[in-house]
Amino acid sequence: MSWQVIIMYAVAALLCLIGAGLLLALTRPSGPAKVYVFRMAGIMAIAAGVVLAFSASAMHQWNVES
């Protein structure tokens, strides 16, 4: 596995953890603006992490095949 793929997996995991942390922070009562921002940023961070992980998997598979 190349360093580029390892870094992509690490960044994907970090984004997913940050997104999950933002969504878990919504369990405490807060104002509507904070709920909106945390929900949007959390979902977008998780989505970015998942897409980056898929991209890293495809890049790894492409490197293995060639």
C-alpha atoms as a PDB file:
ATOM      1  CA  MET A   1       0.000   0.000   0.000  1.00  0.00           C
ATOM      2  CA  SER A   2       1.450   3.354  -1.004  1.00  0.00           C
ATOM      3  CA  TRP A   3       1.830   6.353   1.279  1.00  0.00           C
ATOM      4  CA  GLN A   4      -0.742   8.297  -0.724  1.00  0.00           C
ATOM      5  CA  VAL A   5      -3.407   5.677  -0.016  1.00  0.00           C
ATOM      6  CA  ILE A   6      -2.487   5.502   3.677  1.00  0.00           C
ATOM      7  CA  ILE A   7      -2.736   9.290   3.979  1.00  0.00           C
ATOM      8  CA  MET A   8      -6.087   9.279   2.180  1.00  0.00           C
ATOM      9  CA  TYR A   9      -7.437   6.644   4.596  1.00  0.00           C
ATOM     10  CA  ALA A  10      -6.141   8.627   7.578  1.00  0.00           C
ATOM     11  CA  VAL A  11      -7.768  11.848   6.394  1.00  0.00           C
ATOM     12  CA  ALA A  12     -11.011   9.979   5.652  1.00  0.00           C
ATOM     13  CA  ALA A  13     -11.036   8.533   9.175  1.00  0.00           C
ATOM     14  CA  LEU A  14     -10.323  11.969  10.657  1.00  0.00           C
ATOM     15  CA  LEU A  15     -13.187  13.535   8.698  1.00  0.00           C
ATOM     16  CA  CYS A  16     -15.579  10.806   9.800  1.00  0.00           C
ATOM     17  CA  LEU A  17     -14.545  11.219  13.436  1.00  0.00           C
ATOM     18  CA  ILE A  18     -14.983  14.987  13.301  1.00  0.00           C
ATOM     19  CA  GLY A  19     -18.372  14.617  11.634  1.00  0.00           C
ATOM     20  CA  ALA A  20     -19.509  12.051  14.180  1.00  0.00           C
ATOM     21  CA  GLY A  21     -18.307  14.308  16.986  1.00  0.00           C
ATOM     22  CA  LEU A  22     -20.320  17.211  15.619  1.00  0.00           C
ATOM     23  CA  LEU A  23     -23.435  15.078  15.319  1.00  0.00           C
ATOM     24  CA  LEU A  24     -22.966  13.630  18.810  1.00  0.00           C
ATOM     25  CA  ALA A  25     -22.654  17.175  20.163  1.00  0.00           C
ATOM     26  CA  LEU A  26     -26.281  17.686  19.136  1.00  0.00           C
ATOM     27  CA  THR A  27     -27.442  15.498  22.031  1.00  0.00           C
ATOM     28  CA  ARG A  28     -27.041  18.536  24.311  1.00  0.00           C
ATOM     29  CA  PRO A  29     -29.708  21.225  24.034  1.00  0.00           C
ATOM     30  CA  SER A  30     -28.616  24.262  22.034  1.00  0.00           C
ATOM     31  CA  GLY A  31     -29.961  27.024  19.852  1.00  0.00           C
ATOM     32  CA  PRO A  32     -31.412  26.496  16.379  1.00  0.00           C
ATOM     33  CA  ALA A  33     -28.443  28.116  14.609  1.00  0.00           C
ATOM     34  CA  LYS A  34     -25.943  25.828  16.338  1.00  0.00           C
ATOM     35  CA  VAL A  35     -28.080  22.777  15.570  1.00  0.00           C
ATOM     36  CA  TYR A  36     -28.256  23.763  11.896  1.00  0.00           C
ATOM     37  CA  VAL A  37     -24.506  24.386  11.584  1.00  0.00           C
ATOM     38  CA  PHE A  38     -23.457  21.266  13.493  1.00  0.00           C
ATOM     39  CA  ARG A  39     -25.886  19.084  11.540  1.00  0.00           C
ATOM     40  CA  MET A  40     -24.794  20.412   8.148  1.00  0.00           C
ATOM     41  CA  ALA A  41     -21.075  20.371   8.928  1.00  0.00           C
ATOM     42  CA  GLY A  42     -21.286  16.929  10.543  1.00  0.00           C
ATOM     43  CA  ILE A  43     -23.123  15.336   7.631  1.00  0.00           C
ATOM     44  CA  MET A  44     -20.824  16.985   5.097  1.00  0.00           C
ATOM     45  CA  ALA A  45     -17.692  15.831   6.975  1.00  0.00           C
ATOM     46  CA  ILE A  46     -18.958  12.239   7.152  1.00  0.00           C
ATOM     47  CA  ALA A  47     -19.896  12.313   3.461  1.00  0.00           C
ATOM     48  CA  ALA A  48     -16.457  13.677   2.546  1.00  0.00           C
ATOM     49  CA  GLY A  49     -14.802  10.966   4.640  1.00  0.00           C
ATOM     50  CA  VAL A  50     -16.815   8.200   2.977  1.00  0.00           C
ATOM     51  CA  VAL A  51     -16.116   9.513  -0.526  1.00  0.00           C
ATOM     52  CA  LEU A  52     -12.407   9.875   0.253  1.00  0.00           C
ATOM     53  CA  ALA A  53     -12.303   6.316   1.615  1.00  0.00           C
ATOM     54  CA  PHE A  54     -13.962   5.022  -1.576  1.00  0.00           C
ATOM     55  CA  SER A  55     -11.451   6.974  -3.635  1.00  0.00           C
ATOM     56  CA  ALA A  56      -8.546   5.570  -1.612  1.00  0.00           C
ATOM     57  CA  SER A  57      -9.891   2.041  -2.096  1.00  0.00           C
ATOM     58  CA  ALA A  58     -10.177   2.571  -5.835  1.00  0.00           C
ATOM     59  CA  MET A  59      -6.664   4.043  -5.981  1.00  0.00           C
ATOM     60  CA  HIS A  60      -5.279   1.098  -4.012  1.00  0.00           C
ATOM     61  CA  GLN A  61      -7.041  -1.422  -6.248  1.00  0.00           C
ATOM     62  CA  TRP A  62      -5.820   0.404  -9.345  1.00  0.00           C
ATOM     63  CA  ASN A  63      -2.226   0.298  -8.055  1.00  0.00           C
ATOM     64  CA  VAL A  64      -2.476  -3.422  -7.226  1.00  0.00           C
ATOM     65  CA  GLU A  65      -3.816  -4.348 -10.663  1.00  0.00           C
ATOM     66  CA  SER A  66      -1.133  -2.540 -12.627  1.00  0.00           C
END
